[in-house]
Amino acid sequence: MTIISFILIAMFIEAVVSIFKPIWDKTATAITIPEYISMSIGTIIAVISRLNLLNGLVETDSIILLYIFYVMSGIALGRGPSFIYDLWNKFKSASAM
């Protein structure tokens, strides 16, 4: 695994976890019902279609880990283009260092 792959994976995980930050951090903006519905639909679509945004970066034979990647991809899909845009900006700023 290259350092770029490692950085991309770390940023993807951080972005997905930050979506749920309002659950344990009461100062963060709350997740709305439409956002929960959107992420749920995205997760269902990703699991059924086996959409893995980390495909090519992480090779695994673990079914459990693969389904975790599907769920993470579904959450990202449900968050829409702003999630990908934010992730891309984080990657650009990290690669500029």
PDB file of N, CA and C in Angstrom:
ATOM      1  N   MET A   1       0.850  -1.171   0.000  1.00  0.00           N
ATOM      2  CA  MET A   1       0.000   0.000   0.000  1.00  0.00           C
ATOM      3  C   MET A   1       0.894   1.231   0.000  1.00  0.00           C
ATOM      4  N   THR A   2       0.581   2.145  -0.891  1.00  0.00           N
ATOM      5  CA  THR A   2       1.367   3.369  -0.969  1.00  0.00           C
ATOM      6  C   THR A   2       0.898   4.372   0.078  1.00  0.00           C
ATOM      7  N   ILE A   3       1.696   5.379   0.298  1.00  0.00           N
ATOM      8  CA  ILE A   3       1.351   6.405   1.272  1.00  0.00           C
ATOM      9  C   ILE A   3       0.117   7.180   0.825  1.00  0.00           C
ATOM     10  N   ILE A   4      -0.032   7.382  -0.486  1.00  0.00           N
ATOM     11  CA  ILE A   4      -1.213   8.079  -1.008  1.00  0.00           C
ATOM     12  C   ILE A   4      -2.469   7.267  -0.718  1.00  0.00           C
ATOM     13  N   SER A   5      -2.400   5.952  -0.909  1.00  0.00           N
ATOM     14  CA  SER A   5      -3.541   5.085  -0.603  1.00  0.00           C
ATOM     15  C   SER A   5      -3.881   5.170   0.873  1.00  0.00           C
ATOM     16  N   PHE A   6      -2.872   5.137   1.704  1.00  0.00           N
ATOM     17  CA  PHE A   6      -3.079   5.231   3.147  1.00  0.00           C
ATOM     18  C   PHE A   6      -3.760   6.546   3.518  1.00  0.00           C
ATOM     19  N   ILE A   7      -3.300   7.644   2.942  1.00  0.00           N
ATOM     20  CA  ILE A   7      -3.882   8.958   3.222  1.00  0.00           C
ATOM     21  C   ILE A   7      -5.328   9.013   2.748  1.00  0.00           C
ATOM     22  N   LEU A   8      -5.602   8.505   1.543  1.00  0.00           N
ATOM     23  CA  LEU A   8      -6.969   8.497   1.028  1.00  0.00           C
ATOM     24  C   LEU A   8      -7.911   7.700   1.921  1.00  0.00           C
ATOM     25  N   ILE A   9      -7.470   6.537   2.356  1.00  0.00           N
ATOM     26  CA  ILE A   9      -8.294   5.694   3.225  1.00  0.00           C
ATOM     27  C   ILE A   9      -8.554   6.403   4.550  1.00  0.00           C
ATOM     28  N   ALA A  10      -7.517   6.992   5.129  1.00  0.00           N
ATOM     29  CA  ALA A  10      -7.671   7.702   6.405  1.00  0.00           C
ATOM     30  C   ALA A  10      -8.635   8.875   6.268  1.00  0.00           C
ATOM     31  N   MET A  11      -8.535   9.636   5.187  1.00  0.00           N
ATOM     32  CA  MET A  11      -9.430  10.768   4.987  1.00  0.00           C
ATOM     33  C   MET A  11     -10.860  10.311   4.747  1.00  0.00           C
ATOM     34  N   PHE A  12     -11.038   9.211   4.027  1.00  0.00           N
ATOM     35  CA  PHE A  12     -12.376   8.679   3.778  1.00  0.00           C
ATOM     36  C   PHE A  12     -13.027   8.247   5.088  1.00  0.00           C
ATOM     37  N   ILE A  13     -12.281   7.543   5.917  1.00  0.00           N
ATOM     38  CA  ILE A  13     -12.814   7.094   7.211  1.00  0.00           C
ATOM     39  C   ILE A  13     -13.138   8.297   8.094  1.00  0.00           C
ATOM     40  N   GLU A  14     -12.252   9.275   8.122  1.00  0.00           N
ATOM     41  CA  GLU A  14     -12.499  10.469   8.941  1.00  0.00           C
ATOM     42  C   GLU A  14     -13.744  11.207   8.463  1.00  0.00           C
ATOM     43  N   ALA A  15     -13.938  11.287   7.164  1.00  0.00           N
ATOM     44  CA  ALA A  15     -15.110  11.978   6.620  1.00  0.00           C
ATOM     45  C   ALA A  15     -16.399  11.252   6.977  1.00  0.00           C
ATOM     46  N   VAL A  16     -16.386   9.930   6.893  1.00  0.00           N
ATOM     47  CA  VAL A  16     -17.577   9.154   7.243  1.00  0.00           C
ATOM     48  C   VAL A  16     -17.876   9.281   8.742  1.00  0.00           C
ATOM     49  N   VAL A  17     -16.847   9.201   9.562  1.00  0.00           N
ATOM     50  CA  VAL A  17     -17.058   9.322  11.014  1.00  0.00           C
ATOM     51  C   VAL A  17     -17.548  10.719  11.375  1.00  0.00           C
ATOM     52  N   SER A  18     -17.054  11.746  10.708  1.00  0.00           N
ATOM     53  CA  SER A  18     -17.469  13.114  11.025  1.00  0.00           C
ATOM     54  C   SER A  18     -18.939  13.359  10.701  1.00  0.00           C
ATOM     55  N   ILE A  19     -19.507  12.566   9.801  1.00  0.00           N
ATOM     56  CA  ILE A  19     -20.930  12.683   9.498  1.00  0.00           C
ATOM     57  C   ILE A  19     -21.758  12.396  10.754  1.00  0.00           C
ATOM     58  N   PHE A  20     -21.301  11.424  11.546  1.00  0.00           N
ATOM     59  CA  PHE A  20     -22.042  11.014  12.736  1.00  0.00           C
ATOM     60  C   PHE A  20     -21.591  11.744  14.008  1.00  0.00           C
ATOM     61  N   LYS A  21     -20.741  12.728  13.874  1.00  0.00           N
ATOM     62  CA  LYS A  21     -20.241  13.469  15.032  1.00  0.00           C
ATOM     63  C   LYS A  21     -21.353  14.052  15.900  1.00  0.00           C
ATOM     64  N   PRO A  22     -22.464  14.545  15.318  1.00  0.00           N
ATOM     65  CA  PRO A  22     -23.527  15.101  16.174  1.00  0.00           C
ATOM     66  C   PRO A  22     -24.129  14.105  17.163  1.00  0.00           C
ATOM     67  N   ILE A  23     -23.935  12.820  16.955  1.00  0.00           N
ATOM     68  CA  ILE A  23     -24.476  11.826  17.878  1.00  0.00           C
ATOM     69  C   ILE A  23     -23.806  11.940  19.242  1.00  0.00           C
ATOM     70  N   TRP A  24     -22.494  12.155  19.284  1.00  0.00           N
ATOM     71  CA  TRP A  24     -21.788  12.234  20.566  1.00  0.00           C
ATOM     72  C   TRP A  24     -21.303  13.640  20.915  1.00  0.00           C
ATOM     73  N   ASP A  25     -21.329  14.573  19.956  1.00  0.00           N
ATOM     74  CA  ASP A  25     -20.902  15.946  20.217  1.00  0.00           C
ATOM     75  C   ASP A  25     -22.109  16.864  20.076  1.00  0.00           C
ATOM     76  N   LYS A  26     -22.643  17.289  21.202  1.00  0.00           N
ATOM     77  CA  LYS A  26     -23.873  18.088  21.198  1.00  0.00           C
ATOM     78  C   LYS A  26     -23.668  19.487  20.624  1.00  0.00           C
ATOM     79  N   THR A  27     -22.411  19.934  20.460  1.00  0.00           N
ATOM     80  CA  THR A  27     -22.171  21.255  19.882  1.00  0.00           C
ATOM     81  C   THR A  27     -22.185  21.226  18.360  1.00  0.00           C
ATOM     82  N   ALA A  28     -22.111  20.042  17.767  1.00  0.00           N
ATOM     83  CA  ALA A  28     -22.130  19.913  16.314  1.00  0.00           C
ATOM     84  C   ALA A  28     -23.567  20.041  15.798  1.00  0.00           C
ATOM     85  N   THR A  29     -23.692  20.412  14.545  1.00  0.00           N
ATOM     86  CA  THR A  29     -25.010  20.531  13.923  1.00  0.00           C
ATOM     87  C   THR A  29     -25.664  19.157  13.835  1.00  0.00           C
ATOM     88  N   ALA A  30     -26.914  19.073  14.214  1.00  0.00           N
ATOM     89  CA  ALA A  30     -27.634  17.794  14.239  1.00  0.00           C
ATOM     90  C   ALA A  30     -27.880  17.270  12.826  1.00  0.00           C
ATOM     91  N   ILE A  31     -27.924  15.949  12.715  1.00  0.00           N
ATOM     92  CA  ILE A  31     -28.264  15.304  11.454  1.00  0.00           C
ATOM     93  C   ILE A  31     -29.786  15.342  11.311  1.00  0.00           C
ATOM     94  N   THR A  32     -30.239  15.751  10.156  1.00  0.00           N
ATOM     95  CA  THR A  32     -31.682  15.878   9.937  1.00  0.00           C
ATOM     96  C   THR A  32     -32.274  14.554   9.465  1.00  0.00           C
ATOM     97  N   ILE A  33     -33.581  14.445   9.553  1.00  0.00           N
ATOM     98  CA  ILE A  33     -34.294  13.247   9.089  1.00  0.00           C
ATOM     99  C   ILE A  33     -34.023  12.994   7.603  1.00  0.00           C
ATOM    100  N   PRO A  34     -34.091  14.020   6.724  1.00  0.00           N
ATOM    101  CA  PRO A  34     -33.775  13.765   5.318  1.00  0.00           C
ATOM    102  C   PRO A  34     -32.354  13.228   5.104  1.00  0.00           C
ATOM    103  N   GLU A  35     -31.407  13.678   5.925  1.00  0.00           N
ATOM    104  CA  GLU A  35     -30.031  13.167   5.804  1.00  0.00           C
ATOM    105  C   GLU A  35     -29.964  11.693   6.200  1.00  0.00           C
ATOM    106  N   TYR A  36     -30.669  11.320   7.277  1.00  0.00           N
ATOM    107  CA  TYR A  36     -30.723   9.908   7.663  1.00  0.00           C
ATOM    108  C   TYR A  36     -31.351   9.062   6.555  1.00  0.00           C
ATOM    109  N   ILE A  37     -32.437   9.561   5.971  1.00  0.00           N
ATOM    110  CA  ILE A  37     -33.108   8.821   4.891  1.00  0.00           C
ATOM    111  C   ILE A  37     -32.180   8.697   3.689  1.00  0.00           C
ATOM    112  N   SER A  38     -31.515   9.779   3.336  1.00  0.00           N
ATOM    113  CA  SER A  38     -30.595   9.779   2.203  1.00  0.00           C
ATOM    114  C   SER A  38     -29.450   8.798   2.414  1.00  0.00           C
ATOM    115  N   MET A  39     -28.856   8.814   3.613  1.00  0.00           N
ATOM    116  CA  MET A  39     -27.758   7.884   3.902  1.00  0.00           C
ATOM    117  C   MET A  39     -28.251   6.435   3.927  1.00  0.00           C
ATOM    118  N   SER A  40     -29.459   6.208   4.403  1.00  0.00           N
ATOM    119  CA  SER A  40     -30.018   4.850   4.430  1.00  0.00           C
ATOM    120  C   SER A  40     -30.243   4.325   3.024  1.00  0.00           C
ATOM    121  N   ILE A  41     -30.821   5.154   2.171  1.00  0.00           N
ATOM    122  CA  ILE A  41     -31.037   4.744   0.779  1.00  0.00           C
ATOM    123  C   ILE A  41     -29.705   4.511   0.085  1.00  0.00           C
ATOM    124  N   GLY A  42     -28.735   5.400   0.303  1.00  0.00           N
ATOM    125  CA  GLY A  42     -27.409   5.227  -0.287  1.00  0.00           C
ATOM    126  C   GLY A  42     -26.751   3.941   0.170  1.00  0.00           C
ATOM    127  N   THR A  43     -26.907   3.605   1.446  1.00  0.00           N
ATOM    128  CA  THR A  43     -26.324   2.371   1.981  1.00  0.00           C
ATOM    129  C   THR A  43     -26.997   1.144   1.371  1.00  0.00           C
ATOM    130  N   ILE A  44     -28.312   1.166   1.265  1.00  0.00           N
ATOM    131  CA  ILE A  44     -29.024   0.036   0.661  1.00  0.00           C
ATOM    132  C   ILE A  44     -28.580  -0.165  -0.781  1.00  0.00           C
ATOM    133  N   ILE A  45     -28.491   0.927  -1.536  1.00  0.00           N
ATOM    134  CA  ILE A  45     -28.047   0.838  -2.930  1.00  0.00           C
ATOM    135  C   ILE A  45     -26.619   0.318  -3.016  1.00  0.00           C
ATOM    136  N   ALA A  46     -25.734   0.816  -2.169  1.00  0.00           N
ATOM    137  CA  ALA A  46     -24.329   0.393  -2.202  1.00  0.00           C
ATOM    138  C   ALA A  46     -24.173  -1.081  -1.851  1.00  0.00           C
ATOM    139  N   VAL A  47     -24.906  -1.554  -0.852  1.00  0.00           N
ATOM    140  CA  VAL A  47     -24.790  -2.961  -0.452  1.00  0.00           C
ATOM    141  C   VAL A  47     -25.359  -3.866  -1.538  1.00  0.00           C
ATOM    142  N   ILE A  48     -26.522  -3.517  -2.072  1.00  0.00           N
ATOM    143  CA  ILE A  48     -27.137  -4.355  -3.108  1.00  0.00           C
ATOM    144  C   ILE A  48     -26.290  -4.383  -4.377  1.00  0.00           C
ATOM    145  N   SER A  49     -25.761  -3.215  -4.767  1.00  0.00           N
ATOM    146  CA  SER A  49     -24.968  -3.146  -6.000  1.00  0.00           C
ATOM    147  C   SER A  49     -23.485  -3.421  -5.772  1.00  0.00           C
ATOM    148  N   ARG A  50     -23.112  -3.629  -4.505  1.00  0.00           N
ATOM    149  CA  ARG A  50     -21.714  -3.895  -4.120  1.00  0.00           C
ATOM    150  C   ARG A  50     -20.780  -2.768  -4.565  1.00  0.00           C
ATOM    151  N   LEU A  51     -21.203  -1.552  -4.252  1.00  0.00           N
ATOM    152  CA  LEU A  51     -20.423  -0.360  -4.555  1.00  0.00           C
ATOM    153  C   LEU A  51     -19.397  -0.152  -3.453  1.00  0.00           C
ATOM    154  N   ASN A  52     -18.131  -0.145  -3.826  1.00  0.00           N
ATOM    155  CA  ASN A  52     -17.040   0.015  -2.879  1.00  0.00           C
ATOM    156  C   ASN A  52     -16.132   1.133  -3.377  1.00  0.00           C
ATOM    157  N   LEU A  53     -16.222   2.306  -2.749  1.00  0.00           N
ATOM    158  CA  LEU A  53     -15.398   3.436  -3.169  1.00  0.00           C
ATOM    159  C   LEU A  53     -13.927   3.242  -2.847  1.00  0.00           C
ATOM    160  N   LEU A  54     -13.622   2.273  -2.007  1.00  0.00           N
ATOM    161  CA  LEU A  54     -12.224   1.996  -1.671  1.00  0.00           C
ATOM    162  C   LEU A  54     -11.649   0.861  -2.521  1.00  0.00           C
ATOM    163  N   ASN A  55     -12.410   0.400  -3.497  1.00  0.00           N
ATOM    164  CA  ASN A  55     -11.950  -0.657  -4.378  1.00  0.00           C
ATOM    165  C   ASN A  55     -10.678  -0.202  -5.106  1.00  0.00           C
ATOM    166  N   GLY A  56      -9.698  -1.025  -5.130  1.00  0.00           N
ATOM    167  CA  GLY A  56      -8.425  -0.674  -5.744  1.00  0.00           C
ATOM    168  C   GLY A  56      -7.425  -0.116  -4.749  1.00  0.00           C
ATOM    169  N   LEU A  57      -7.918   0.447  -3.660  1.00  0.00           N
ATOM    170  CA  LEU A  57      -7.029   0.950  -2.620  1.00  0.00           C
ATOM    171  C   LEU A  57      -6.786  -0.105  -1.555  1.00  0.00           C
ATOM    172  N   VAL A  58      -7.828  -0.893  -1.271  1.00  0.00           N
ATOM    173  CA  VAL A  58      -7.738  -1.927  -0.245  1.00  0.00           C
ATOM    174  C   VAL A  58      -8.175  -3.248  -0.851  1.00  0.00           C
ATOM    175  N   GLU A  59      -7.299  -4.219  -0.813  1.00  0.00           N
ATOM    176  CA  GLU A  59      -7.636  -5.565  -1.266  1.00  0.00           C
ATOM    177  C   GLU A  59      -7.876  -6.415  -0.033  1.00  0.00           C
ATOM    178  N   THR A  60      -9.028  -7.091   0.001  1.00  0.00           N
ATOM    179  CA  THR A  60      -9.345  -7.908   1.161  1.00  0.00           C
ATOM    180  C   THR A  60     -10.123  -9.144   0.756  1.00  0.00           C
ATOM    181  N   ASP A  61      -9.945 -10.204   1.523  1.00  0.00           N
ATOM    182  CA  ASP A  61     -10.732 -11.414   1.355  1.00  0.00           C
ATOM    183  C   ASP A  61     -11.786 -11.522   2.449  1.00  0.00           C
ATOM    184  N   SER A  62     -11.797 -10.577   3.366  1.00  0.00           N
ATOM    185  CA  SER A  62     -12.728 -10.585   4.482  1.00  0.00           C
ATOM    186  C   SER A  62     -14.092 -10.068   4.033  1.00  0.00           C
ATOM    187  N   ILE A  63     -15.104 -10.903   4.159  1.00  0.00           N
ATOM    188  CA  ILE A  63     -16.461 -10.509   3.796  1.00  0.00           C
ATOM    189  C   ILE A  63     -16.965  -9.397   4.722  1.00  0.00           C
ATOM    190  N   ILE A  64     -16.632  -9.492   5.990  1.00  0.00           N
ATOM    191  CA  ILE A  64     -17.076  -8.476   6.954  1.00  0.00           C
ATOM    192  C   ILE A  64     -16.494  -7.113   6.594  1.00  0.00           C
ATOM    193  N   LEU A  65     -15.204  -7.058   6.322  1.00  0.00           N
ATOM    194  CA  LEU A  65     -14.566  -5.798   5.956  1.00  0.00           C
ATOM    195  C   LEU A  65     -15.126  -5.264   4.638  1.00  0.00           C
ATOM    196  N   LEU A  66     -15.389  -6.147   3.710  1.00  0.00           N
ATOM    197  CA  LEU A  66     -15.959  -5.734   2.433  1.00  0.00           C
ATOM    198  C   LEU A  66     -17.330  -5.082   2.629  1.00  0.00           C
ATOM    199  N   TYR A  67     -18.159  -5.656   3.490  1.00  0.00           N
ATOM    200  CA  TYR A  67     -19.471  -5.065   3.753  1.00  0.00           C
ATOM    201  C   TYR A  67     -19.358  -3.758   4.541  1.00  0.00           C
ATOM    202  N   ILE A  68     -18.340  -3.618   5.361  1.00  0.00           N
ATOM    203  CA  ILE A  68     -18.094  -2.333   6.022  1.00  0.00           C
ATOM    204  C   ILE A  68     -17.771  -1.274   4.970  1.00  0.00           C
ATOM    205  N   PHE A  69     -16.974  -1.641   3.967  1.00  0.00           N
ATOM    206  CA  PHE A  69     -16.661  -0.711   2.877  1.00  0.00           C
ATOM    207  C   PHE A  69     -17.913  -0.367   2.079  1.00  0.00           C
ATOM    208  N   TYR A  70     -18.802  -1.340   1.857  1.00  0.00           N
ATOM    209  CA  TYR A  70     -20.063  -1.066   1.163  1.00  0.00           C
ATOM    210  C   TYR A  70     -20.898  -0.057   1.943  1.00  0.00           C
ATOM    211  N   VAL A  71     -20.990  -0.265   3.260  1.00  0.00           N
ATOM    212  CA  VAL A  71     -21.784   0.640   4.096  1.00  0.00           C
ATOM    213  C   VAL A  71     -21.164   2.035   4.093  1.00  0.00           C
ATOM    214  N   MET A  72     -19.844   2.126   4.232  1.00  0.00           N
ATOM    215  CA  MET A  72     -19.174   3.430   4.202  1.00  0.00           C
ATOM    216  C   MET A  72     -19.396   4.113   2.854  1.00  0.00           C
ATOM    217  N   SER A  73     -19.334   3.349   1.785  1.00  0.00           N
ATOM    218  CA  SER A  73     -19.576   3.905   0.452  1.00  0.00           C
ATOM    219  C   SER A  73     -21.017   4.373   0.325  1.00  0.00           C
ATOM    220  N   GLY A  74     -21.946   3.623   0.903  1.00  0.00           N
ATOM    221  CA  GLY A  74     -23.350   4.013   0.874  1.00  0.00           C
ATOM    222  C   GLY A  74     -23.611   5.292   1.641  1.00  0.00           C
ATOM    223  N   ILE A  75     -22.950   5.444   2.769  1.00  0.00           N
ATOM    224  CA  ILE A  75     -23.087   6.681   3.545  1.00  0.00           C
ATOM    225  C   ILE A  75     -22.566   7.855   2.721  1.00  0.00           C
ATOM    226  N   ALA A  76     -21.423   7.656   2.082  1.00  0.00           N
ATOM    227  CA  ALA A  76     -20.870   8.710   1.222  1.00  0.00           C
ATOM    228  C   ALA A  76     -21.810   9.007   0.058  1.00  0.00           C
ATOM    229  N   LEU A  77     -22.364   7.968  -0.534  1.00  0.00           N
ATOM    230  CA  LEU A  77     -23.311   8.142  -1.628  1.00  0.00           C
ATOM    231  C   LEU A  77     -24.537   8.917  -1.156  1.00  0.00           C
ATOM    232  N   GLY A  78     -25.025   8.592   0.006  1.00  0.00           N
ATOM    233  CA  GLY A  78     -26.188   9.269   0.555  1.00  0.00           C
ATOM    234  C   GLY A  78     -25.937  10.720   0.906  1.00  0.00           C
ATOM    235  N   ARG A  79     -24.721  11.055   1.222  1.00  0.00           N
ATOM    236  CA  ARG A  79     -24.385  12.444   1.555  1.00  0.00           C
ATOM    237  C   ARG A  79     -24.285  13.306   0.303  1.00  0.00           C
ATOM    238  N   GLY A  80     -24.150  12.676  -0.843  1.00  0.00           N
ATOM    239  CA  GLY A  80     -24.192  13.405  -2.106  1.00  0.00           C
ATOM    240  C   GLY A  80     -22.867  14.016  -2.520  1.00  0.00           C
ATOM    241  N   PRO A  81     -22.937  14.887  -3.514  1.00  0.00           N
ATOM    242  CA  PRO A  81     -21.717  15.473  -4.089  1.00  0.00           C
ATOM    243  C   PRO A  81     -20.896  16.295  -3.102  1.00  0.00           C
ATOM    244  N   SER A  82     -21.530  16.883  -2.104  1.00  0.00           N
ATOM    245  CA  SER A  82     -20.769  17.705  -1.161  1.00  0.00           C
ATOM    246  C   SER A  82     -19.755  16.861  -0.391  1.00  0.00           C
ATOM    247  N   PHE A  83     -20.106  15.603  -0.098  1.00  0.00           N
ATOM    248  CA  PHE A  83     -19.179  14.712   0.591  1.00  0.00           C
ATOM    249  C   PHE A  83     -17.938  14.481  -0.269  1.00  0.00           C
ATOM    250  N   ILE A  84     -18.149  14.162  -1.539  1.00  0.00           N
ATOM    251  CA  ILE A  84     -17.024  13.913  -2.455  1.00  0.00           C
ATOM    252  C   ILE A  84     -16.203  15.186  -2.638  1.00  0.00           C
ATOM    253  N   TYR A  85     -16.873  16.319  -2.749  1.00  0.00           N
ATOM    254  CA  TYR A  85     -16.183  17.601  -2.892  1.00  0.00           C
ATOM    255  C   TYR A  85     -15.315  17.894  -1.670  1.00  0.00           C
ATOM    256  N   ASP A  86     -15.873  17.706  -0.478  1.00  0.00           N
ATOM    257  CA  ASP A  86     -15.116  17.932   0.756  1.00  0.00           C
ATOM    258  C   ASP A  86     -13.931  16.973   0.856  1.00  0.00           C
ATOM    259  N   LEU A  87     -14.161  15.705   0.507  1.00  0.00           N
ATOM    260  CA  LEU A  87     -13.092  14.711   0.542  1.00  0.00           C
ATOM    261  C   LEU A  87     -11.987  15.080  -0.443  1.00  0.00           C
ATOM    262  N   TRP A  88     -12.352  15.528  -1.628  1.00  0.00           N
ATOM    263  CA  TRP A  88     -11.381  15.923  -2.647  1.00  0.00           C
ATOM    264  C   TRP A  88     -10.565  17.127  -2.168  1.00  0.00           C
ATOM    265  N   ASN A  89     -11.217  18.099  -1.560  1.00  0.00           N
ATOM    266  CA  ASN A  89     -10.494  19.268  -1.046  1.00  0.00           C
ATOM    267  C   ASN A  89      -9.515  18.874   0.054  1.00  0.00           C
ATOM    268  N   LYS A  90      -9.906  17.928   0.921  1.00  0.00           N
ATOM    269  CA  LYS A  90      -8.993  17.448   1.958  1.00  0.00           C
ATOM    270  C   LYS A  90      -7.791  16.759   1.324  1.00  0.00           C
ATOM    271  N   PHE A  91      -8.045  15.985   0.283  1.00  0.00           N
ATOM    272  CA  PHE A  91      -6.948  15.293  -0.404  1.00  0.00           C
ATOM    273  C   PHE A  91      -6.009  16.296  -1.048  1.00  0.00           C
ATOM    274  N   LYS A  92      -6.565  17.313  -1.712  1.00  0.00           N
ATOM    275  CA  LYS A  92      -5.716  18.317  -2.366  1.00  0.00           C
ATOM    276  C   LYS A  92      -4.864  19.057  -1.347  1.00  0.00           C
ATOM    277  N   SER A  93      -5.462  19.422  -0.214  1.00  0.00           N
ATOM    278  CA  SER A  93      -4.685  20.157   0.786  1.00  0.00           C
ATOM    279  C   SER A  93      -3.624  19.259   1.429  1.00  0.00           C
ATOM    280  N   ALA A  94      -3.918  17.975   1.598  1.00  0.00           N
ATOM    281  CA  ALA A  94      -2.929  17.048   2.160  1.00  0.00           C
ATOM    282  C   ALA A  94      -1.800  16.787   1.179  1.00  0.00           C
ATOM    283  N   SER A  95      -2.115  16.702  -0.114  1.00  0.00           N
ATOM    284  CA  SER A  95      -1.058  16.428  -1.092  1.00  0.00           C
ATOM    285  C   SER A  95      -0.196  17.651  -1.344  1.00  0.00           C
ATOM    286  N   ALA A  96      -0.688  18.840  -1.013  1.00  0.00           N
ATOM    287  CA  ALA A  96       0.095  20.064  -1.181  1.00  0.00           C
ATOM    288  C   ALA A  96       1.155  20.214  -0.110  1.00  0.00           C
ATOM    289  N   MET A  97       1.028  19.456   0.981  1.00  0.00           N
ATOM    290  CA  MET A  97       1.998  19.560   2.093  1.00  0.00           C
ATOM    291  C   MET A  97       3.316  18.970   1.740  1.00  0.00           C
TER     292      MET A  97
END
